[in-house]
Amino acid sequence: VDFNRQSWLECLIKHGFDVTKNTCFLWEGVTYYLEPESVHEFIQQVQGCLQESTTEKSILIFDYFVGGIPMSKSVKKLVASVGEPFRFSMENGLFEFMKKVPKLEVREHISYNFGRAGCASVGLKR
């Protein structure tokens, strides 16, 4: 699925995905390459799926950059040269970003690269 152009949720449902079942959305190595609007839309749609789930066990796990792309100019140039430049970073960090999806809460969070990147597990607020 091209998250910038297609509905990932429609594709999953078309192939039998049931939003009422426990689900772990593992979204690693994806956010960096998306437009900010696509990241926000994805997380909003996951929030909707989690609300339709019959249990609070469903979660979203994703990784992200904070405050810019923490890579050298040569790495950024190399990645862009293959047609997938880095596009997304949480400018003010994960917790500020999560305020935009008020029904979700951070369950676990790992920060690395001196706070410039991280991985989070989020679910519906309990």
Foldseek 3Di string as FASTA:
>chain_A
DPLQPDDPVVVCVVVPDDLQEAAEAEAEPHLQQYAPVSVLVVVLVVQVSLVNHVDQRHKYKYKFFEQDDPDDPVVQVVCVVVPRGGHDHHDHDDVVVCVSVVQKDWPDKDADPVRGMIMTMMTGDD
